[in-house]
Amino acid sequence: MTKNTAIMCLGGGVFLFILGAVRLWNQGDWVLLILSILIIAFSTSSLLKIKNSE
């Protein structure tokens, strides 16, 4: 994964996190929130790997 791809994934994860938090608040549905946390975690991990390899 390139640095730009990891940043785009991180941005998408943050966007999904916001949508998931709204959905949790309104409907009590946890699924989107949990998936977004996983996307953010893997994107952050990828960015840290890229940073350490440079």
PDB file of N, CA and C in Angstrom:
ATOM      1  N   MET A   1       0.848  -1.167   0.000  1.00  0.00           N
ATOM      2  CA  MET A   1       0.000   0.000   0.000  1.00  0.00           C
ATOM      3  C   MET A   1       0.896   1.232   0.000  1.00  0.00           C
ATOM      4  N   THR A   2       0.606   2.156  -0.894  1.00  0.00           N
ATOM      5  CA  THR A   2       1.385   3.383  -0.939  1.00  0.00           C
ATOM      6  C   THR A   2       0.883   4.358   0.125  1.00  0.00           C
ATOM      7  N   LYS A   3       1.673   5.405   0.321  1.00  0.00           N
ATOM      8  CA  LYS A   3       1.324   6.390   1.336  1.00  0.00           C
ATOM      9  C   LYS A   3       0.010   7.096   0.986  1.00  0.00           C
ATOM     10  N   ASN A   4      -0.168   7.429  -0.284  1.00  0.00           N
ATOM     11  CA  ASN A   4      -1.409   8.110  -0.681  1.00  0.00           C
ATOM     12  C   ASN A   4      -2.627   7.220  -0.479  1.00  0.00           C
ATOM     13  N   THR A   5      -2.496   5.954  -0.785  1.00  0.00           N
ATOM     14  CA  THR A   5      -3.607   5.023  -0.594  1.00  0.00           C
ATOM     15  C   THR A   5      -3.953   4.886   0.884  1.00  0.00           C
ATOM     16  N   ALA A   6      -2.944   4.822   1.732  1.00  0.00           N
ATOM     17  CA  ALA A   6      -3.176   4.702   3.172  1.00  0.00           C
ATOM     18  C   ALA A   6      -3.862   5.952   3.714  1.00  0.00           C
ATOM     19  N   ILE A   7      -3.487   7.112   3.198  1.00  0.00           N
ATOM     20  CA  ILE A   7      -4.119   8.353   3.649  1.00  0.00           C
ATOM     21  C   ILE A   7      -5.577   8.408   3.202  1.00  0.00           C
ATOM     22  N   MET A   8      -5.842   7.959   1.965  1.00  0.00           N
ATOM     23  CA  MET A   8      -7.232   7.926   1.490  1.00  0.00           C
ATOM     24  C   MET A   8      -8.068   6.950   2.316  1.00  0.00           C
ATOM     25  N   CYS A   9      -7.500   5.801   2.654  1.00  0.00           N
ATOM     26  CA  CYS A   9      -8.212   4.821   3.491  1.00  0.00           C
ATOM     27  C   CYS A   9      -8.479   5.392   4.879  1.00  0.00           C
ATOM     28  N   LEU A  10      -7.522   6.120   5.410  1.00  0.00           N
ATOM     29  CA  LEU A  10      -7.696   6.729   6.722  1.00  0.00           C
ATOM     30  C   LEU A  10      -8.815   7.766   6.684  1.00  0.00           C
ATOM     31  N   GLY A  11      -8.841   8.573   5.630  1.00  0.00           N
ATOM     32  CA  GLY A  11      -9.915   9.559   5.481  1.00  0.00           C
ATOM     33  C   GLY A  11     -11.274   8.898   5.360  1.00  0.00           C
ATOM     34  N   GLY A  12     -11.342   7.820   4.585  1.00  0.00           N
ATOM     35  CA  GLY A  12     -12.594   7.082   4.461  1.00  0.00           C
ATOM     36  C   GLY A  12     -13.011   6.465   5.777  1.00  0.00           C
ATOM     37  N   GLY A  13     -12.047   5.965   6.535  1.00  0.00           N
ATOM     38  CA  GLY A  13     -12.356   5.386   7.838  1.00  0.00           C
ATOM     39  C   GLY A  13     -12.906   6.415   8.812  1.00  0.00           C
ATOM     40  N   VAL A  14     -12.338   7.617   8.773  1.00  0.00           N
ATOM     41  CA  VAL A  14     -12.842   8.684   9.648  1.00  0.00           C
ATOM     42  C   VAL A  14     -14.265   9.073   9.242  1.00  0.00           C
ATOM     43  N   PHE A  15     -14.490   9.168   7.925  1.00  0.00           N
ATOM     44  CA  PHE A  15     -15.838   9.479   7.428  1.00  0.00           C
ATOM     45  C   PHE A  15     -16.839   8.411   7.870  1.00  0.00           C
ATOM     46  N   LEU A  16     -16.471   7.141   7.726  1.00  0.00           N
ATOM     47  CA  LEU A  16     -17.352   6.054   8.148  1.00  0.00           C
ATOM     48  C   LEU A  16     -17.548   6.033   9.660  1.00  0.00           C
ATOM     49  N   PHE A  17     -16.511   6.450  10.400  1.00  0.00           N
ATOM     50  CA  PHE A  17     -16.634   6.517  11.854  1.00  0.00           C
ATOM     51  C   PHE A  17     -17.701   7.529  12.257  1.00  0.00           C
ATOM     52  N   ILE A  18     -17.694   8.673  11.579  1.00  0.00           N
ATOM     53  CA  ILE A  18     -18.705   9.696  11.875  1.00  0.00           C
ATOM     54  C   ILE A  18     -20.096   9.181  11.533  1.00  0.00           C
ATOM     55  N   LEU A  19     -20.223   8.559  10.349  1.00  0.00           N
ATOM     56  CA  LEU A  19     -21.518   7.992   9.976  1.00  0.00           C
ATOM     57  C   LEU A  19     -21.950   6.892  10.956  1.00  0.00           C
ATOM     58  N   GLY A  20     -20.992   6.068  11.383  1.00  0.00           N
ATOM     59  CA  GLY A  20     -21.300   5.005  12.337  1.00  0.00           C
ATOM     60  C   GLY A  20     -21.726   5.536  13.689  1.00  0.00           C
ATOM     61  N   ALA A  21     -21.089   6.634  14.123  1.00  0.00           N
ATOM     62  CA  ALA A  21     -21.473   7.236  15.408  1.00  0.00           C
ATOM     63  C   ALA A  21     -22.885   7.804  15.331  1.00  0.00           C
ATOM     64  N   VAL A  22     -23.213   8.426  14.202  1.00  0.00           N
ATOM     65  CA  VAL A  22     -24.575   8.950  14.024  1.00  0.00           C
ATOM     66  C   VAL A  22     -25.583   7.809  13.990  1.00  0.00           C
ATOM     67  N   ARG A  23     -25.236   6.742  13.278  1.00  0.00           N
ATOM     68  CA  ARG A  23     -26.149   5.593  13.186  1.00  0.00           C
ATOM     69  C   ARG A  23     -26.316   4.915  14.553  1.00  0.00           C
ATOM     70  N   LEU A  24     -25.226   4.858  15.320  1.00  0.00           N
ATOM     71  CA  LEU A  24     -25.318   4.285  16.663  1.00  0.00           C
ATOM     72  C   LEU A  24     -26.234   5.133  17.532  1.00  0.00           C
ATOM     73  N   TRP A  25     -26.087   6.427  17.439  1.00  0.00           N
ATOM     74  CA  TRP A  25     -26.898   7.342  18.245  1.00  0.00           C
ATOM     75  C   TRP A  25     -28.387   7.231  17.885  1.00  0.00           C
ATOM     76  N   ASN A  26     -28.664   7.166  16.563  1.00  0.00           N
ATOM     77  CA  ASN A  26     -30.059   7.168  16.120  1.00  0.00           C
ATOM     78  C   ASN A  26     -30.727   5.798  16.179  1.00  0.00           C
ATOM     79  N   GLN A  27     -29.994   4.750  15.775  1.00  0.00           N
ATOM     80  CA  GLN A  27     -30.621   3.441  15.632  1.00  0.00           C
ATOM     81  C   GLN A  27     -30.056   2.367  16.552  1.00  0.00           C
ATOM     82  N   GLY A  28     -28.943   2.648  17.206  1.00  0.00           N
ATOM     83  CA  GLY A  28     -28.341   1.652  18.083  1.00  0.00           C
ATOM     84  C   GLY A  28     -27.574   0.571  17.342  1.00  0.00           C
ATOM     85  N   ASP A  29     -27.157   0.859  16.096  1.00  0.00           N
ATOM     86  CA  ASP A  29     -26.459  -0.124  15.261  1.00  0.00           C
ATOM     87  C   ASP A  29     -24.944   0.088  15.373  1.00  0.00           C
ATOM     88  N   TRP A  30     -24.226  -0.957  15.796  1.00  0.00           N
ATOM     89  CA  TRP A  30     -22.789  -0.879  16.054  1.00  0.00           C
ATOM     90  C   TRP A  30     -21.922  -1.264  14.854  1.00  0.00           C
ATOM     91  N   VAL A  31     -22.482  -1.893  13.831  1.00  0.00           N
ATOM     92  CA  VAL A  31     -21.692  -2.543  12.790  1.00  0.00           C
ATOM     93  C   VAL A  31     -20.777  -1.567  12.053  1.00  0.00           C
ATOM     94  N   LEU A  32     -21.314  -0.463  11.575  1.00  0.00           N
ATOM     95  CA  LEU A  32     -20.526   0.496  10.813  1.00  0.00           C
ATOM     96  C   LEU A  32     -19.433   1.120  11.670  1.00  0.00           C
ATOM     97  N   LEU A  33     -19.722   1.347  12.928  1.00  0.00           N
ATOM     98  CA  LEU A  33     -18.726   1.929  13.833  1.00  0.00           C
ATOM     99  C   LEU A  33     -17.550   0.975  14.038  1.00  0.00           C
ATOM    100  N   ILE A  34     -17.832  -0.293  14.236  1.00  0.00           N
ATOM    101  CA  ILE A  34     -16.762  -1.279  14.432  1.00  0.00           C
ATOM    102  C   ILE A  34     -15.924  -1.441  13.175  1.00  0.00           C
ATOM    103  N   LEU A  35     -16.574  -1.508  12.011  1.00  0.00           N
ATOM    104  CA  LEU A  35     -15.827  -1.613  10.752  1.00  0.00           C
ATOM    105  C   LEU A  35     -14.946  -0.396  10.519  1.00  0.00           C
ATOM    106  N   SER A  36     -15.449   0.781  10.836  1.00  0.00           N
ATOM    107  CA  SER A  36     -14.646   1.987  10.639  1.00  0.00           C
ATOM    108  C   SER A  36     -13.438   2.016  11.573  1.00  0.00           C
ATOM    109  N   ILE A  37     -13.599   1.521  12.780  1.00  0.00           N
ATOM    110  CA  ILE A  37     -12.456   1.465  13.711  1.00  0.00           C
ATOM    111  C   ILE A  37     -11.384   0.526  13.167  1.00  0.00           C
ATOM    112  N   LEU A  38     -11.801  -0.595  12.581  1.00  0.00           N
ATOM    113  CA  LEU A  38     -10.833  -1.518  11.980  1.00  0.00           C
ATOM    114  C   LEU A  38     -10.116  -0.882  10.791  1.00  0.00           C
ATOM    115  N   ILE A  39     -10.851  -0.158   9.954  1.00  0.00           N
ATOM    116  CA  ILE A  39     -10.240   0.521   8.804  1.00  0.00           C
ATOM    117  C   ILE A  39      -9.231   1.556   9.280  1.00  0.00           C
ATOM    118  N   ILE A  40      -9.588   2.330  10.286  1.00  0.00           N
ATOM    119  CA  ILE A  40      -8.670   3.340  10.826  1.00  0.00           C
ATOM    120  C   ILE A  40      -7.431   2.681  11.406  1.00  0.00           C
ATOM    121  N   ALA A  41      -7.598   1.574  12.111  1.00  0.00           N
ATOM    122  CA  ALA A  41      -6.458   0.887  12.727  1.00  0.00           C
ATOM    123  C   ALA A  41      -5.500   0.341  11.676  1.00  0.00           C
ATOM    124  N   PHE A  42      -6.027  -0.324  10.637  1.00  0.00           N
ATOM    125  CA  PHE A  42      -5.160  -0.873   9.606  1.00  0.00           C
ATOM    126  C   PHE A  42      -4.495   0.218   8.778  1.00  0.00           C
ATOM    127  N   SER A  43      -5.194   1.316   8.528  1.00  0.00           N
ATOM    128  CA  SER A  43      -4.601   2.429   7.777  1.00  0.00           C
ATOM    129  C   SER A  43      -3.486   3.091   8.578  1.00  0.00           C
ATOM    130  N   THR A  44      -3.727   3.281   9.865  1.00  0.00           N
ATOM    131  CA  THR A  44      -2.703   3.867  10.725  1.00  0.00           C
ATOM    132  C   THR A  44      -1.488   2.954  10.811  1.00  0.00           C
ATOM    133  N   SER A  45      -1.712   1.660  10.927  1.00  0.00           N
ATOM    134  CA  SER A  45      -0.624   0.699  10.958  1.00  0.00           C
ATOM    135  C   SER A  45       0.196   0.756   9.669  1.00  0.00           C
ATOM    136  N   SER A  46      -0.481   0.844   8.544  1.00  0.00           N
ATOM    137  CA  SER A  46       0.206   0.922   7.253  1.00  0.00           C
ATOM    138  C   SER A  46       1.028   2.208   7.152  1.00  0.00           C
ATOM    139  N   LEU A  47       0.465   3.319   7.609  1.00  0.00           N
ATOM    140  CA  LEU A  47       1.208   4.580   7.566  1.00  0.00           C
ATOM    141  C   LEU A  47       2.450   4.527   8.459  1.00  0.00           C
ATOM    142  N   LEU A  48       2.327   3.892   9.628  1.00  0.00           N
ATOM    143  CA  LEU A  48       3.488   3.775  10.515  1.00  0.00           C
ATOM    144  C   LEU A  48       4.563   2.868   9.906  1.00  0.00           C
ATOM    145  N   LYS A  49       4.144   1.817   9.218  1.00  0.00           N
ATOM    146  CA  LYS A  49       5.108   0.936   8.542  1.00  0.00           C
ATOM    147  C   LYS A  49       5.863   1.689   7.449  1.00  0.00           C
ATOM    148  N   ILE A  50       5.107   2.474   6.677  1.00  0.00           N
ATOM    149  CA  ILE A  50       5.718   3.264   5.597  1.00  0.00           C
ATOM    150  C   ILE A  50       6.693   4.269   6.183  1.00  0.00           C
ATOM    151  N   LYS A  51       6.321   4.902   7.283  1.00  0.00           N
ATOM    152  CA  LYS A  51       7.171   5.913   7.912  1.00  0.00           C
ATOM    153  C   LYS A  51       8.464   5.278   8.441  1.00  0.00           C
ATOM    154  N   ASN A  52       8.363   4.092   9.026  1.00  0.00           N
ATOM    155  CA  ASN A  52       9.547   3.427   9.587  1.00  0.00           C
ATOM    156  C   ASN A  52      10.470   2.892   8.499  1.00  0.00           C
ATOM    157  N   SER A  53       9.940   2.568   7.318  1.00  0.00           N
ATOM    158  CA  SER A  53      10.786   2.025   6.258  1.00  0.00           C
ATOM    159  C   SER A  53      11.539   3.110   5.487  1.00  0.00           C
ATOM    160  N   GLU A  54      11.126   4.359   5.649  1.00  0.00           N
ATOM    161  CA  GLU A  54      11.813   5.453   4.934  1.00  0.00           C
ATOM    162  C   GLU A  54      13.073   5.885   5.614  1.00  0.00           C
TER     163      GLU A  54
END
